[in-house]
C-alpha atoms as a PDB file:
ATOM      1  CA  UNK A   1      17.709  13.052   8.203  1.00  0.00           C
ATOM      2  CA  UNK A   2      18.127   9.115   8.674  1.00  0.00           C
ATOM      3  CA  UNK A   3      19.431   6.284   6.404  1.00  0.00           C
ATOM      4  CA  UNK A   4      17.453   3.001   6.669  1.00  0.00           C
ATOM      5  CA  UNK A   5      18.456   0.123   4.391  1.00  0.00           C
ATOM      6  CA  UNK A   6      20.872   2.823   2.477  1.00  0.00           C
ATOM      7  CA  UNK A   7      18.086   4.751   1.825  1.00  0.00           C
ATOM      8  CA  UNK A   8      18.275   8.415   3.288  1.00  0.00           C
ATOM      9  CA  UNK A   9      14.590   9.200   4.320  1.00  0.00           C
ATOM     10  CA  UNK A  10      13.658  13.053   5.370  1.00  0.00           C
ATOM     11  CA  UNK A  11      11.756  13.755   8.502  1.00  0.00           C
ATOM     12  CA  UNK A  12       9.872  16.722   8.325  1.00  0.00           C
ATOM     13  CA  UNK A  13       7.483  18.832  10.564  1.00  0.00           C
ATOM     14  CA  UNK A  14       6.685  21.893  12.796  1.00  0.00           C
ATOM     15  CA  UNK A  15       9.235  22.233  16.163  1.00  0.00           C
ATOM     16  CA  UNK A  16       8.809  19.631  18.895  1.00  0.00           C
ATOM     17  CA  UNK A  17       6.439  17.448  16.688  1.00  0.00           C
ATOM     18  CA  UNK A  18       8.766  14.580  17.356  1.00  0.00           C
ATOM     19  CA  UNK A  19      11.552  14.408  14.664  1.00  0.00           C
ATOM     20  CA  UNK A  20      14.228  13.498  16.665  1.00  0.00           C
ATOM     21  CA  UNK A  21      12.020  11.473  18.740  1.00  0.00           C
ATOM     22  CA  UNK A  22      11.732   9.603  15.461  1.00  0.00           C
ATOM     23  CA  UNK A  23      15.242   9.354  14.396  1.00  0.00           C
ATOM     24  CA  UNK A  24      16.499   8.462  18.090  1.00  0.00           C
ATOM     25  CA  UNK A  25      13.614   5.171  17.506  1.00  0.00           C
ATOM     26  CA  UNK A  26      14.950   4.474  14.479  1.00  0.00           C
ATOM     27  CA  UNK A  27      18.815   4.720  15.184  1.00  0.00           C
ATOM     28  CA  UNK A  28      17.978   2.681  18.675  1.00  0.00           C
ATOM     29  CA  UNK A  29      16.235  -0.300  16.220  1.00  0.00           C
ATOM     30  CA  UNK A  30      19.910  -0.015  13.925  1.00  0.00           C
ATOM     31  CA  UNK A  31      19.501   2.488  11.548  1.00  0.00           C
ATOM     32  CA  UNK A  32      21.534   5.501  10.999  1.00  0.00           C
ATOM     33  CA  UNK A  33      21.554   9.186  11.418  1.00  0.00           C
ATOM     34  CA  UNK A  34      22.662  11.607   9.126  1.00  0.00           C
ATOM     35  CA  UNK A  35      21.790  15.229  10.120  1.00  0.00           C
ATOM     36  CA  UNK A  36      19.499  16.244  13.157  1.00  0.00           C
ATOM     37  CA  UNK A  37      18.043  20.022  12.965  1.00  0.00           C
ATOM     38  CA  UNK A  38      20.088  21.232  10.133  1.00  0.00           C
ATOM     39  CA  UNK A  39      20.361  19.183   6.554  1.00  0.00           C
ATOM     40  CA  UNK A  40      22.966  20.358   3.798  1.00  0.00           C
ATOM     41  CA  UNK A  41      20.907  18.907   0.510  1.00  0.00           C
ATOM     42  CA  UNK A  42      23.203  18.584  -2.661  1.00  0.00           C
ATOM     43  CA  UNK A  43      22.883  16.855  -6.264  1.00  0.00           C
ATOM     44  CA  UNK A  44      24.552  14.536  -8.688  1.00  0.00           C
ATOM     45  CA  UNK A  45      23.379  12.965 -11.213  1.00  0.00           C
ATOM     46  CA  UNK A  46      19.742  13.620 -10.820  1.00  0.00           C
ATOM     47  CA  UNK A  47      19.970  12.013  -7.349  1.00  0.00           C
ATOM     48  CA  UNK A  48      19.768  13.988  -4.308  1.00  0.00           C
ATOM     49  CA  UNK A  49      22.001  13.366  -1.347  1.00  0.00           C
ATOM     50  CA  UNK A  50      21.540  14.786   2.525  1.00  0.00           C
ATOM     51  CA  UNK A  51      24.460  15.446   4.339  1.00  0.00           C
ATOM     52  CA  UNK A  52      25.328  16.927   7.799  1.00  0.00           C
ATOM     53  CA  UNK A  53      27.140  20.041   8.381  1.00  0.00           C
ATOM     54  CA  UNK A  54      30.582  19.296  10.683  1.00  0.00           C
ATOM     55  CA  UNK A  55      29.604  20.928  13.821  1.00  0.00           C
ATOM     56  CA  UNK A  56      26.505  18.727  13.951  1.00  0.00           C
ATOM     57  CA  UNK A  57      27.513  15.461  12.899  1.00  0.00           C
ATOM     58  CA  UNK A  58      26.709  12.569  14.987  1.00  0.00           C
ATOM     59  CA  UNK A  59      24.640  14.746  17.357  1.00  0.00           C
ATOM     60  CA  UNK A  60      21.041  14.222  18.007  1.00  0.00           C
ATOM     61  CA  UNK A  61      19.214  16.860  20.376  1.00  0.00           C
ATOM     62  CA  UNK A  62      15.768  15.704  22.004  1.00  0.00           C
ATOM     63  CA  UNK A  63      13.570  18.133  24.379  1.00  0.00           C
ATOM     64  CA  UNK A  64      13.479  15.193  26.776  1.00  0.00           C
ATOM     65  CA  UNK A  65      17.171  14.177  26.655  1.00  0.00           C
ATOM     66  CA  UNK A  66      19.300  17.308  25.377  1.00  0.00           C
ATOM     67  CA  UNK A  67      22.179  16.366  23.180  1.00  0.00           C
ATOM     68  CA  UNK A  68      22.990  12.887  22.704  1.00  0.00           C
ATOM     69  CA  UNK A  69      26.360  12.367  20.682  1.00  0.00           C
ATOM     70  CA  UNK A  70      25.030   8.717  18.661  1.00  0.00           C
ATOM     71  CA  UNK A  71      28.631   7.716  18.008  1.00  0.00           C
ATOM     72  CA  UNK A  72      29.362   7.580  21.493  1.00  0.00           C
ATOM     73  CA  UNK A  73      26.283   5.901  22.967  1.00  0.00           C
ATOM     74  CA  UNK A  74      25.527   3.640  19.511  1.00  0.00           C
ATOM     75  CA  UNK A  75      28.782   3.487  17.917  1.00  0.00           C
ATOM     76  CA  UNK A  76      30.410   4.739  14.964  1.00  0.00           C
ATOM     77  CA  UNK A  77      28.145   2.407  12.660  1.00  0.00           C
ATOM     78  CA  UNK A  78      24.996   4.525  14.063  1.00  0.00           C
ATOM     79  CA  UNK A  79      26.105   7.723  11.675  1.00  0.00           C
ATOM     80  CA  UNK A  80      26.763   8.253   8.076  1.00  0.00           C
ATOM     81  CA  UNK A  81      28.075  11.286   6.789  1.00  0.00           C
ATOM     82  CA  UNK A  82      25.441  11.379   4.133  1.00  0.00           C
ATOM     83  CA  UNK A  83      23.246   9.212   1.923  1.00  0.00           C
ATOM     84  CA  UNK A  84      21.098   9.467  -1.303  1.00  0.00           C
ATOM     85  CA  UNK A  85      17.548  11.564   0.071  1.00  0.00           C
ATOM     86  CA  UNK A  86      14.822   9.083  -1.461  1.00  0.00           C
ATOM     87  CA  UNK A  87      11.844   9.454   0.577  1.00  0.00           C
ATOM     88  CA  UNK A  88      10.499  12.729   2.827  1.00  0.00           C
ATOM     89  CA  UNK A  89       8.077  11.645   5.829  1.00  0.00           C
ATOM     90  CA  UNK A  90       6.442  14.841   7.470  1.00  0.00           C
ATOM     91  CA  UNK A  91       5.146  14.644  11.057  1.00  0.00           C
ATOM     92  CA  UNK A  92       1.850  16.360  10.927  1.00  0.00           C
ATOM     93  CA  UNK A  93      -1.012  16.107  13.700  1.00  0.00           C
ATOM     94  CA  UNK A  94      -3.586  17.419  10.880  1.00  0.00           C
ATOM     95  CA  UNK A  95      -6.146  14.231  10.787  1.00  0.00           C
ATOM     96  CA  UNK A  96      -6.015  12.832   7.305  1.00  0.00           C
ATOM     97  CA  UNK A  97      -9.048  11.602   5.297  1.00  0.00           C
ATOM     98  CA  UNK A  98      -9.992   7.768   5.699  1.00  0.00           C
ATOM     99  CA  UNK A  99      -8.838   6.411   2.200  1.00  0.00           C
ATOM    100  CA  UNK A 100      -8.700   2.739   1.481  1.00  0.00           C
ATOM    101  CA  UNK A 101      -5.601   3.031  -0.745  1.00  0.00           C
ATOM    102  CA  UNK A 102      -3.822   4.946   1.761  1.00  0.00           C
ATOM    103  CA  UNK A 103      -1.856   8.542   1.350  1.00  0.00           C
ATOM    104  CA  UNK A 104       0.096   8.430  -2.035  1.00  0.00           C
ATOM    105  CA  UNK A 105       1.731  11.843  -2.752  1.00  0.00           C
ATOM    106  CA  UNK A 106       5.194  13.028  -4.076  1.00  0.00           C
ATOM    107  CA  UNK A 107       6.978  15.941  -2.491  1.00  0.00           C
ATOM    108  CA  UNK A 108       9.369  18.504  -4.481  1.00  0.00           C
ATOM    109  CA  UNK A 109      12.733  19.448  -3.578  1.00  0.00           C
ATOM    110  CA  UNK A 110      15.377  20.935  -5.703  1.00  0.00           C
ATOM    111  CA  UNK A 111      13.350  19.988  -8.815  1.00  0.00           C
ATOM    112  CA  UNK A 112      13.356  16.213  -7.689  1.00  0.00           C
ATOM    113  CA  UNK A 113      10.057  14.282  -6.993  1.00  0.00           C
ATOM    114  CA  UNK A 114      10.425  12.097  -4.282  1.00  0.00           C
ATOM    115  CA  UNK A 115       7.746   9.862  -2.702  1.00  0.00           C
ATOM    116  CA  UNK A 116       6.388  11.404   0.746  1.00  0.00           C
ATOM    117  CA  UNK A 117       3.970  10.408   3.206  1.00  0.00           C
ATOM    118  CA  UNK A 118       2.617  12.340   6.018  1.00  0.00           C
ATOM    119  CA  UNK A 119       1.985  11.032   9.306  1.00  0.00           C
ATOM    120  CA  UNK A 120       0.490  11.705  12.576  1.00  0.00           C
ATOM    121  CA  UNK A 121       2.499  11.174  15.573  1.00  0.00           C
ATOM    122  CA  UNK A 122      -0.593  10.913  17.906  1.00  0.00           C
ATOM    123  CA  UNK A 123      -1.626   7.243  16.128  1.00  0.00           C
ATOM    124  CA  UNK A 124      -1.645   4.083  18.248  1.00  0.00           C
ATOM    125  CA  UNK A 125       0.613   2.168  16.392  1.00  0.00           C
ATOM    126  CA  UNK A 126       4.399   4.150  16.516  1.00  0.00           C
ATOM    127  CA  UNK A 127       5.718   6.082  13.595  1.00  0.00           C
ATOM    128  CA  UNK A 128       8.532   4.436  13.545  1.00  0.00           C
ATOM    129  CA  UNK A 129       6.397   0.997  12.728  1.00  0.00           C
ATOM    130  CA  UNK A 130       4.211   2.582  10.386  1.00  0.00           C
ATOM    131  CA  UNK A 131       7.229   4.778   8.362  1.00  0.00           C
ATOM    132  CA  UNK A 132       9.379   1.054   7.967  1.00  0.00           C
ATOM    133  CA  UNK A 133       5.930  -0.419   6.704  1.00  0.00           C
ATOM    134  CA  UNK A 134       5.161   2.283   4.232  1.00  0.00           C
ATOM    135  CA  UNK A 135       9.195   2.255   3.104  1.00  0.00           C
ATOM    136  CA  UNK A 136       8.689  -1.554   2.324  1.00  0.00           C
ATOM    137  CA  UNK A 137       5.600  -1.146   0.741  1.00  0.00           C
ATOM    138  CA  UNK A 138       7.785   1.250  -1.986  1.00  0.00           C
ATOM    139  CA  UNK A 139       9.366  -1.705  -3.074  1.00  0.00           C
ATOM    140  CA  UNK A 140       6.693  -4.149  -3.492  1.00  0.00           C
ATOM    141  CA  UNK A 141       3.540  -5.074  -5.853  1.00  0.00           C
ATOM    142  CA  UNK A 142       0.694  -2.591  -5.048  1.00  0.00           C
ATOM    143  CA  UNK A 143      -1.559  -4.360  -2.260  1.00  0.00           C
ATOM    144  CA  UNK A 144      -4.296  -1.951  -3.666  1.00  0.00           C
ATOM    145  CA  UNK A 145      -4.310  -3.608  -7.368  1.00  0.00           C
ATOM    146  CA  UNK A 146      -4.799  -7.131  -5.551  1.00  0.00           C
ATOM    147  CA  UNK A 147      -7.660  -5.895  -3.573  1.00  0.00           C
ATOM    148  CA  UNK A 148      -9.547  -4.872  -6.276  1.00  0.00           C
ATOM    149  CA  UNK A 149      -8.496  -8.134  -8.484  1.00  0.00           C
ATOM    150  CA  UNK A 150      -9.857 -10.179  -5.544  1.00  0.00           C
ATOM    151  CA  UNK A 151     -12.978  -7.863  -5.177  1.00  0.00           C
ATOM    152  CA  UNK A 152     -13.726  -8.745  -8.958  1.00  0.00           C
ATOM    153  CA  UNK A 153     -13.292 -12.170  -8.795  1.00  0.00           C
ATOM    154  CA  UNK A 154     -15.671 -12.397  -6.135  1.00  0.00           C
ATOM    155  CA  UNK A 155     -18.030 -10.439  -7.579  1.00  0.00           C
ATOM    156  CA  UNK A 156     -17.710 -13.009 -10.933  1.00  0.00           C
ATOM    157  CA  UNK A 157     -18.989 -15.984  -8.994  1.00  0.00           C
END
């Protein structure tokens, strides 16, 4: 789990698919590690929070690099003890159907519905850039509505 601009993002997927690599890329870009591999989730006032067990605090395991002490390599600000869990990204190699409006979905966790997205780790654009773009899209007007408005206006002329 990482923290991006104060928002917790849980990264899920099969073993070896690139969850820790995505977290490392995001940390290198200035975001924060909450937890790698084992995440404790709690709930308070209808908000989920992700925490790292003390034994694993600040550690990230990469198949290529081994265990990384994130605080020592990137500084104390590269980790955070907990974060509000607000989004889920699933890394999955299964091809997605091509849809103009993208993949809008939610995932249920501890009886709460969280916005989620499934990303293929082998697409041309980096997983990190697609995730960061999707997170920005969650806070803006729906571009699909704008496209439909433009199409309707074009048909009227």
